[in-house]
Protein backbone atom coordinates (compact mmCIF):
# COMPACT_ATOMS: atom_id res chain seq x y z
CA MET A 1 50.74 116.84 78.51
CA ARG A 2 54.33 116.88 77.49
CA ALA A 3 56.75 115.68 80.14
CA HIS A 4 59.34 118.27 81.00
CA THR A 5 62.94 117.13 81.28
CA LEU A 6 65.59 118.83 83.35
CA GLU A 7 68.76 119.49 81.40
CA ILE A 8 71.94 119.68 83.43
CA PRO A 9 74.34 122.41 82.30
CA HIS A 10 77.61 121.34 80.76
CA SER A 11 79.69 122.74 83.66
CA VAL A 12 77.70 120.69 86.15
CA LYS A 13 78.20 117.57 84.07
CA ARG A 14 81.95 117.98 84.12
CA HIS A 15 82.43 119.16 87.71
CA ARG A 16 81.36 117.71 91.04
CA PRO A 17 79.22 120.25 92.97
CA ALA A 18 80.68 121.74 96.11
CA GLN A 19 77.79 120.48 98.26
CA LEU A 20 75.99 117.21 97.68
CA CYS A 21 74.10 114.91 99.94
CA PRO A 22 76.11 111.97 101.25
CA GLY A 23 76.28 109.14 98.80
CA THR A 24 75.19 111.18 95.76
CA SER A 25 77.29 112.21 92.79
CA LEU A 26 76.75 113.55 89.31
CA ILE A 27 79.93 111.91 88.02
CA HIS A 28 79.90 108.31 86.97
CA PRO A 29 82.53 106.27 88.78
CA ASP A 30 85.71 105.46 86.87
CA PRO A 31 85.71 101.67 86.26
CA ARG A 32 89.46 101.62 86.92
CA GLY A 33 88.96 102.97 90.42
CA PHE A 34 90.29 106.53 90.10
CA THR A 35 88.51 109.49 91.67
CA ALA A 36 89.44 113.11 91.70
CA GLY A 37 90.03 114.40 95.19
CA GLY A 38 92.21 116.39 97.51
CA GLU A 39 91.67 118.42 100.65
CA ASN A 40 92.18 121.80 99.01
CA THR A 41 90.53 121.02 95.65
CA LYS A 42 88.12 123.66 94.44
CA MET A 43 85.05 123.20 92.32
CA GLY A 44 86.60 124.48 89.13
CA ASP A 45 89.76 122.39 89.41
CA ARG A 46 88.25 118.93 89.20
CA ALA A 47 89.96 116.58 86.76
CA GLU A 48 88.02 115.40 83.80
CA GLU A 49 86.36 112.04 84.27
CA GLY A 50 88.21 109.03 82.86
CA SER A 51 91.52 110.87 82.38
CA PRO A 52 94.09 109.60 84.92
CA ARG A 53 96.78 111.92 83.61
CA ASN A 54 94.78 114.99 84.67
CA ARG A 55 93.97 113.75 88.16
CA GLN A 56 94.57 116.01 91.13
CA TYR A 57 97.43 115.64 93.58
CA GLY A 58 97.13 112.32 95.39
CA SER A 59 94.02 111.48 93.35
CA ILE A 60 94.61 107.77 92.74
CA GLU A 61 92.50 106.02 95.33
CA ARG A 62 91.71 102.43 96.07
CA PRO A 63 88.69 101.03 94.23
CA ASN A 64 85.80 99.82 96.30
CA ASN A 65 86.43 96.16 95.53
CA GLU A 66 90.20 96.23 96.17
CA VAL A 67 91.53 94.75 99.39
CA GLY A 68 93.52 97.42 101.22
CA SER A 69 95.84 95.33 103.36
CA THR A 70 98.90 93.43 102.27
CA TYR A 71 101.08 90.88 104.00
CA LEU A 72 102.86 93.75 105.75
CA ASP A 73 99.74 95.64 106.84
CA GLU A 74 101.14 97.31 109.96
CA LYS A 75 101.31 101.10 109.89
CA ILE A 76 104.24 102.91 111.52
CA SER A 77 103.23 106.29 112.94
CA ILE A 78 105.33 109.34 112.10
CA PRO A 79 106.19 111.62 115.05
CA SER A 80 105.55 115.33 114.88
CA ALA A 81 108.76 117.36 114.78
CA GLY A 82 107.13 120.46 116.29
CA MET A 83 108.99 122.82 113.95
CA PRO A 84 109.72 122.89 110.22
CA GLY A 85 112.98 121.53 108.87
CA PHE A 86 114.92 118.31 108.94
CA SER A 87 114.23 115.94 111.85
CA PHE A 88 116.27 112.89 112.80
CA ARG A 89 113.23 111.52 114.65
CA LYS A 90 111.24 111.54 111.44
CA LEU A 91 114.14 110.05 109.50
CA TRP A 92 114.31 107.21 112.02
CA ALA A 93 110.56 106.62 111.65
CA PHE A 94 110.92 106.38 107.86
CA THR A 95 114.01 104.15 108.08
CA GLY A 96 113.39 100.52 107.15
CA PRO A 97 111.90 100.02 103.67
CA GLY A 98 115.05 101.23 101.92
CA PHE A 99 117.25 98.74 103.76
CA LEU A 100 114.87 95.88 102.95
CA MET A 101 115.01 97.00 99.33
CA SER A 102 118.82 97.20 99.36
CA ILE A 103 119.04 93.48 100.17
CA ALA A 104 118.39 92.84 96.47
CA TYR A 105 121.70 94.61 95.75
CA LEU A 106 123.54 92.20 98.06
CA ASP A 107 122.22 88.77 97.14
CA PRO A 108 124.60 85.90 96.24
CA GLY A 109 124.09 86.68 92.56
CA ASN A 110 125.53 90.15 93.11
CA ILE A 111 128.39 88.72 95.18
CA GLU A 112 129.16 86.20 92.43
CA SER A 113 129.08 88.97 89.81
CA ASP A 114 131.41 91.11 91.94
CA LEU A 115 134.02 88.43 92.52
CA GLN A 116 134.01 87.27 88.90
CA CYS A 117 134.36 90.87 87.73
CA GLY A 118 137.26 91.47 90.10
CA ALA A 119 139.04 88.27 89.13
CA ILE A 120 138.60 88.86 85.38
CA ALA A 121 138.86 92.66 84.99
CA GLY A 122 140.62 93.73 88.18
CA PHE A 123 139.71 97.26 89.26
CA LYS A 124 138.76 98.40 85.76
CA LEU A 125 134.98 98.02 86.12
CA LEU A 126 134.39 99.61 89.53
CA TRP A 127 132.92 102.62 87.74
CA VAL A 128 130.30 100.34 86.19
CA LEU A 129 129.31 99.20 89.68
CA LEU A 130 129.02 102.82 90.84
CA GLY A 131 126.98 103.85 87.80
CA ALA A 132 124.64 100.86 88.06
CA THR A 133 124.03 101.61 91.74
CA PHE A 134 123.14 105.22 90.86
CA LEU A 135 120.71 104.00 88.18
CA GLY A 136 119.22 101.67 90.78
CA LEU A 137 118.67 104.66 93.09
CA VAL A 138 116.80 106.45 90.28
CA CYS A 139 114.51 103.42 89.85
CA GLN A 140 113.91 103.16 93.59
CA ARG A 141 113.13 106.89 93.70
CA LEU A 142 110.34 106.34 91.20
CA ALA A 143 109.05 103.41 93.27
CA ILE A 144 109.03 105.62 96.37
CA ARG A 145 107.04 108.38 94.70
CA LEU A 146 104.54 105.91 93.28
CA GLY A 147 103.84 104.31 96.65
CA VAL A 148 103.84 107.50 98.71
CA VAL A 149 101.78 109.75 96.43
CA THR A 150 99.16 107.21 95.33
CA GLY A 151 99.04 104.93 98.36
CA ARG A 152 99.22 101.96 96.01
CA ASP A 153 102.11 99.82 94.83
CA LEU A 154 103.16 99.09 91.26
CA ALA A 155 101.25 95.80 91.15
CA GLN A 156 97.98 97.50 92.13
CA ILE A 157 98.55 100.26 89.57
CA CYS A 158 99.15 97.66 86.85
CA ARG A 159 95.95 95.88 87.84
CA SER A 160 94.00 99.13 87.53
CA TYR A 161 95.39 100.15 84.14
CA TYR A 162 95.97 96.94 82.19
CA PRO A 163 93.40 94.55 80.72
CA LYS A 164 93.32 90.96 81.91
CA ALA A 165 95.60 89.38 79.29
CA PRO A 166 98.54 91.84 79.69
CA ARG A 167 98.17 91.60 83.47
CA TRP A 168 98.58 87.84 83.44
CA LEU A 169 101.48 88.02 81.00
CA LEU A 170 103.20 90.65 83.16
CA TRP A 171 102.65 88.56 86.30
CA ILE A 172 104.10 85.43 84.68
CA LEU A 173 107.20 87.28 83.45
CA VAL A 174 107.88 88.94 86.81
CA GLU A 175 107.37 85.69 88.71
CA ILE A 176 109.86 83.97 86.37
CA ALA A 177 112.36 86.73 87.15
CA ILE A 178 111.77 86.28 90.89
CA ILE A 179 112.19 82.50 90.60
CA GLY A 180 115.45 82.95 88.72
CA SER A 181 116.70 85.33 91.38
CA ASP A 182 115.55 83.11 94.24
CA MET A 183 117.33 80.08 92.80
CA GLN A 184 120.75 81.68 93.12
CA GLU A 185 119.85 83.03 96.56
CA VAL A 186 118.82 79.61 97.87
CA ILE A 187 121.84 77.90 96.32
CA GLY A 188 124.13 80.61 97.68
CA THR A 189 122.78 80.03 101.18
CA ALA A 190 123.24 76.29 100.74
CA ILE A 191 126.87 76.88 99.71
CA ALA A 192 127.39 78.92 102.89
CA PHE A 193 126.06 76.04 105.01
CA SER A 194 128.41 73.65 103.21
CA LEU A 195 131.42 75.91 103.82
CA LEU A 196 130.58 76.45 107.48
CA SER A 197 130.18 72.71 108.07
CA ALA A 198 133.47 71.88 106.30
CA GLY A 199 131.53 70.08 103.57
CA ARG A 200 129.53 67.85 105.93
CA ILE A 201 126.24 69.38 104.80
CA PRO A 202 125.71 68.59 101.10
CA LEU A 203 124.28 71.13 98.72
CA TRP A 204 120.80 69.57 98.69
CA GLY A 205 120.78 69.51 102.48
CA GLY A 206 121.63 73.21 102.55
CA VAL A 207 118.76 73.91 100.17
CA LEU A 208 116.30 72.13 102.48
CA ILE A 209 117.62 74.01 105.51
CA THR A 210 117.28 77.30 103.65
CA ILE A 211 113.67 76.59 102.70
CA ILE A 212 112.73 75.69 106.27
CA ASP A 213 114.46 78.58 108.02
CA THR A 214 113.14 81.07 105.44
CA LEU A 215 109.58 80.02 106.23
CA PHE A 216 110.42 80.37 109.91
CA PHE A 217 111.91 83.85 109.59
CA LEU A 218 108.92 85.07 107.57
CA PHE A 219 106.84 84.86 110.76
CA LEU A 220 108.94 87.64 112.29
CA ASP A 221 106.59 90.28 110.90
CA LYS A 222 103.90 88.87 113.19
CA TYR A 223 105.94 90.28 116.09
CA GLY A 224 106.06 93.74 114.54
CA LEU A 225 107.30 95.31 111.35
CA ARG A 226 110.06 97.19 113.15
CA LYS A 227 111.46 93.93 114.51
CA LEU A 228 111.52 92.52 110.99
CA GLU A 229 113.34 95.60 109.73
CA ALA A 230 115.82 95.32 112.61
CA PHE A 231 116.52 91.70 111.65
CA PHE A 232 117.37 92.73 108.09
CA ALA A 233 119.55 95.55 109.43
CA LEU A 234 121.42 92.93 111.49
CA LEU A 235 122.03 90.79 108.39
CA ILE A 236 123.32 93.82 106.46
CA THR A 237 125.64 94.63 109.37
CA ILE A 238 126.97 91.06 109.30
CA MET A 239 127.71 91.40 105.58
CA ALA A 240 129.45 94.74 106.08
CA VAL A 241 131.61 93.38 108.91
CA THR A 242 132.55 90.09 107.25
CA PHE A 243 133.31 91.46 103.79
CA GLY A 244 134.98 94.47 105.37
CA TYR A 245 137.25 92.08 107.26
CA GLU A 246 138.24 90.46 103.97
CA TYR A 247 138.98 93.92 102.57
CA VAL A 248 141.27 94.76 105.50
CA VAL A 249 143.07 91.42 105.31
CA VAL A 250 143.71 91.59 101.57
CA ARG A 251 144.58 95.35 101.61
CA PRO A 252 143.78 96.34 98.00
CA ASP A 253 145.66 99.19 96.38
CA GLN A 254 143.61 102.25 97.38
CA GLY A 255 144.85 104.27 94.43
CA GLU A 256 143.59 101.63 92.02
CA VAL A 257 140.27 101.50 93.87
CA ILE A 258 139.73 105.26 93.55
CA LYS A 259 140.86 105.23 89.92
CA GLY A 260 138.55 102.34 89.10
CA MET A 261 135.52 104.09 90.64
CA PHE A 262 135.83 107.55 89.11
CA PHE A 263 137.81 107.04 85.90
CA PRO A 264 135.70 105.20 83.30
CA TYR A 265 138.24 103.15 81.43
CA CYS A 266 138.91 99.55 80.51
CA SER A 267 142.17 99.34 78.61
CA GLY A 268 142.84 95.97 77.06
CA CYS A 269 139.32 94.73 77.73
CA GLY A 270 137.63 92.20 75.48
CA SER A 271 134.43 90.19 75.34
CA ALA A 272 135.01 88.64 78.79
CA GLU A 273 135.20 92.04 80.47
CA LEU A 274 132.18 93.29 78.51
CA LEU A 275 130.20 90.29 79.67
CA GLN A 276 131.10 91.04 83.29
CA ALA A 277 130.07 94.69 82.89
CA VAL A 278 126.66 93.63 81.57
CA GLY A 279 126.42 91.13 84.43
CA ILE A 280 126.97 93.89 87.01
CA ILE A 281 124.12 95.98 85.59
CA GLY A 282 121.82 92.96 85.34
CA ALA A 283 122.56 91.87 88.90
CA ILE A 284 121.75 95.31 90.33
CA ILE A 285 118.75 96.48 88.26
CA MET A 286 115.99 93.97 89.08
CA PRO A 287 112.37 94.82 88.13
CA HIS A 288 110.71 92.95 90.98
CA ASN A 289 112.59 95.17 93.44
CA ILE A 290 110.50 98.12 92.23
CA TYR A 291 107.33 96.20 93.09
CA LEU A 292 108.77 95.43 96.51
CA HIS A 293 109.84 98.98 97.35
CA SER A 294 106.64 100.64 96.16
CA SER A 295 104.74 98.35 98.52
CA LEU A 296 107.07 98.69 101.51
CA VAL A 297 106.76 102.49 101.63
CA LYS A 298 103.03 102.11 102.27
CA SER A 299 103.85 100.86 105.77
CA ARG A 300 104.21 104.44 107.05
CA ASP A 301 101.13 106.30 108.25
CA ILE A 302 100.88 109.29 105.92
CA ASP A 303 97.91 111.57 105.30
CA ARG A 304 98.04 111.75 101.51
CA LYS A 305 95.55 114.60 101.41
CA LYS A 306 98.19 116.86 102.93
CA ARG A 307 100.76 117.95 100.41
CA GLN A 308 103.38 118.75 103.06
CA GLU A 309 103.27 115.25 104.58
CA VAL A 310 103.62 113.63 101.18
CA ARG A 311 106.55 115.90 100.30
CA GLU A 312 108.28 115.08 103.61
CA ALA A 313 107.72 111.35 103.13
CA ASN A 314 109.29 111.48 99.67
CA MET A 315 112.28 113.38 101.03
CA TYR A 316 112.93 111.11 104.02
CA PHE A 317 112.44 107.93 102.02
CA LEU A 318 114.91 109.22 99.43
CA ILE A 319 117.50 110.00 102.13
CA GLU A 320 117.04 106.57 103.70
CA SER A 321 117.28 104.78 100.35
CA THR A 322 120.41 106.74 99.44
CA ILE A 323 122.07 105.68 102.70
CA ALA A 324 121.00 102.06 102.21
CA LEU A 325 122.29 101.89 98.63
CA LEU A 326 125.53 103.60 99.65
CA ILE A 327 126.09 100.84 102.20
CA SER A 328 125.26 98.17 99.62
CA PHE A 329 127.69 99.79 97.16
CA ILE A 330 130.47 99.76 99.77
CA ILE A 331 129.85 96.06 100.48
CA ASN A 332 129.92 95.22 96.76
CA LEU A 333 133.06 97.33 96.47
CA PHE A 334 134.68 95.29 99.25
CA VAL A 335 134.05 92.04 97.39
CA MET A 336 135.13 93.28 93.96
CA ALA A 337 138.29 94.95 95.30
CA VAL A 338 139.28 91.87 97.34
CA PHE A 339 139.10 89.57 94.34
CA ALA A 340 140.68 92.15 92.04
CA GLU A 341 143.68 92.47 94.36
CA ALA A 342 144.07 88.82 95.34
CA PHE A 343 142.95 86.86 92.29
CA TYR A 344 143.45 89.04 89.20
CA LYS A 345 145.68 87.15 86.73
CA LYS A 346 146.19 84.33 89.24
CA THR A 347 145.91 80.60 88.52
CA ASN A 348 144.76 77.60 90.54
CA GLN A 349 148.36 76.49 90.90
CA ASP A 350 149.14 79.76 92.66
CA ALA A 351 146.38 79.06 95.16
CA VAL A 352 147.54 75.48 95.76
CA SER A 353 151.13 76.61 96.24
CA THR A 354 150.04 79.30 98.70
CA SER A 355 147.87 76.88 100.66
CA SER A 356 150.86 74.63 101.29
CA THR A 357 152.57 77.45 103.21
CA ASN A 358 149.47 78.56 105.17
CA GLN A 359 147.62 76.88 108.00
CA THR A 360 144.66 75.49 106.09
CA SER A 361 141.42 73.94 107.26
CA ALA A 362 140.23 70.43 106.55
CA LEU A 363 137.81 71.79 103.95
CA VAL A 364 140.64 73.50 102.05
CA GLU A 365 142.89 70.44 102.26
CA ARG A 366 140.16 68.18 100.87
CA ASN A 367 139.61 70.53 97.92
CA VAL A 368 143.23 71.22 96.95
CA VAL A 369 143.27 68.33 94.50
CA SER A 370 140.02 69.39 92.83
CA ILE A 371 141.20 73.00 92.68
CA ARG A 372 144.42 71.94 90.95
CA SER A 373 142.50 70.00 88.32
CA GLN A 374 140.00 72.74 87.47
CA CYS A 375 140.09 75.59 85.00
CA PRO A 376 141.91 78.87 85.63
CA LEU A 377 141.07 80.56 88.89
CA THR A 378 138.85 83.17 87.29
CA ARG A 379 136.34 80.50 86.27
CA LEU A 380 135.67 79.15 89.74
CA LEU A 381 132.23 79.70 91.28
CA LEU A 382 131.02 81.01 94.63
CA SER A 383 131.88 77.93 96.70
CA ALA A 384 135.28 77.42 95.12
CA GLN A 385 136.17 81.10 95.56
CA GLY A 386 135.59 80.71 99.30
CA ILE A 387 137.96 77.77 99.34
CA ILE A 388 140.53 79.71 97.30
CA LEU A 389 140.18 82.55 99.79
CA GLY A 390 141.12 80.07 102.50
CA CYS A 391 144.12 78.97 100.45
CA PHE A 392 145.49 82.50 100.19
CA PHE A 393 144.53 83.96 103.57
CA GLY A 394 143.87 81.04 105.90
CA PRO A 395 140.76 79.32 107.30
CA VAL A 396 139.53 82.39 109.20
CA ALA A 397 139.01 84.25 105.95
CA LEU A 398 137.14 81.24 104.55
CA TYR A 399 134.67 80.97 107.43
CA ILE A 400 134.11 84.72 107.65
CA TRP A 401 133.40 84.70 103.91
CA ALA A 402 130.88 81.90 104.46
CA VAL A 403 129.11 83.86 107.20
CA GLY A 404 128.77 86.84 104.86
CA ILE A 405 127.38 84.65 102.08
CA LEU A 406 124.93 83.11 104.56
CA ALA A 407 123.65 86.55 105.60
CA ALA A 408 123.37 87.64 101.95
CA GLY A 409 121.52 84.51 100.86
CA GLN A 410 119.16 84.33 103.82
CA SER A 411 118.11 87.98 103.68
CA SER A 412 117.65 88.06 99.90
CA THR A 413 115.61 84.85 99.97
CA MET A 414 113.17 86.47 102.38
CA THR A 415 112.84 89.71 100.43
CA GLY A 416 112.36 87.71 97.23
CA THR A 417 109.47 85.90 98.91
CA TYR A 418 107.91 89.21 99.92
CA ALA A 419 108.34 90.53 96.37
CA GLY A 420 106.50 87.49 95.03
CA GLN A 421 103.69 88.17 97.50
CA PHE A 422 103.31 91.77 96.34
CA VAL A 423 103.55 90.91 92.64
CA MET A 424 100.58 88.57 93.08
CA GLU A 425 98.44 91.71 93.43
CA VAL A 426 98.78 92.21 89.66
CA THR A 427 96.25 89.43 89.08
CA ILE A 428 94.50 88.87 92.41
């Protein structure tokens, strides 16, 4: 007797039936962990197996063997507005990830780039800062959509798509970038400790203090994600107040500031100014920040099967990120304008001569000799610029500058650590 075989029609092979017993399926699972799904998906609209590009809305799901939680695994609930339209309550609930992300735009490397650009090019490259910040917002917008729509961050997506060798290579390159960024953040914080202690804390001592207090502050998320976000908001506020104070004291020419932001020009610029322009873009656009932001947006409790909730989350996250990057741009503008007004085409001898007529601190007095013997003023680094600031505008400006650098370095060191944690998901 010939055994009869049951042939499954082609349409059934391609499409999941509308009713199946629990745990059964006629579609082989995608080895990369993608399944077609969606609350309103009909039988005839199923995406073809093995084709991630044709997946349905919100179709990228977590594979069975992937750990769902991250270091920041707390979920923040989103309140119901009760009526359609914009809601400040919802905006407040979504506020947080964008400000943590914006810390990367305010690290000591950015501050160093701003002050060098102001001292070398004056107000001529403010439009580069504005354009780079806008490009950064575009990148962060993509990170938001990736995390909100898929429920997975960039590292998890890379792990799903890439073979083992490219994954490891990508992880190594991104970790090198994070290490390079963290080095300037840790050293910047150490410089702030040295300035605040009038040079009594050496640079290596400041590095040790930074390492210890960073590990301490990382435990804040154990007391709640909102408390951690509030701590970062406090550090951003400190930077805005301190650098804003410097802006008020120096009183840059507002006409030159507006012209520098909205009129793309650089008359008389050479290789030095071009180098600073490239440095501004490199300091703002950092790849590991996309990994960080795409993971942070997962901290909000969103039903990704509902198109309206996903659309609202994208909108509110974009508004919050725009506000955060606007604040970071203003802070960077403060620094660049201060050094453009006070230090453009100035020399060390000008600073030493000014310090003799001002009431200077012990730290400034001890460094006057070394300042006099160094290169032109535009070549001084972060620590020396703080001392020069004290020469021109007194010790109060020096210590307020140091507090701002401390807030910038401490916050960016913590977010860099979180970024390294999320990037590890590429390989683990």
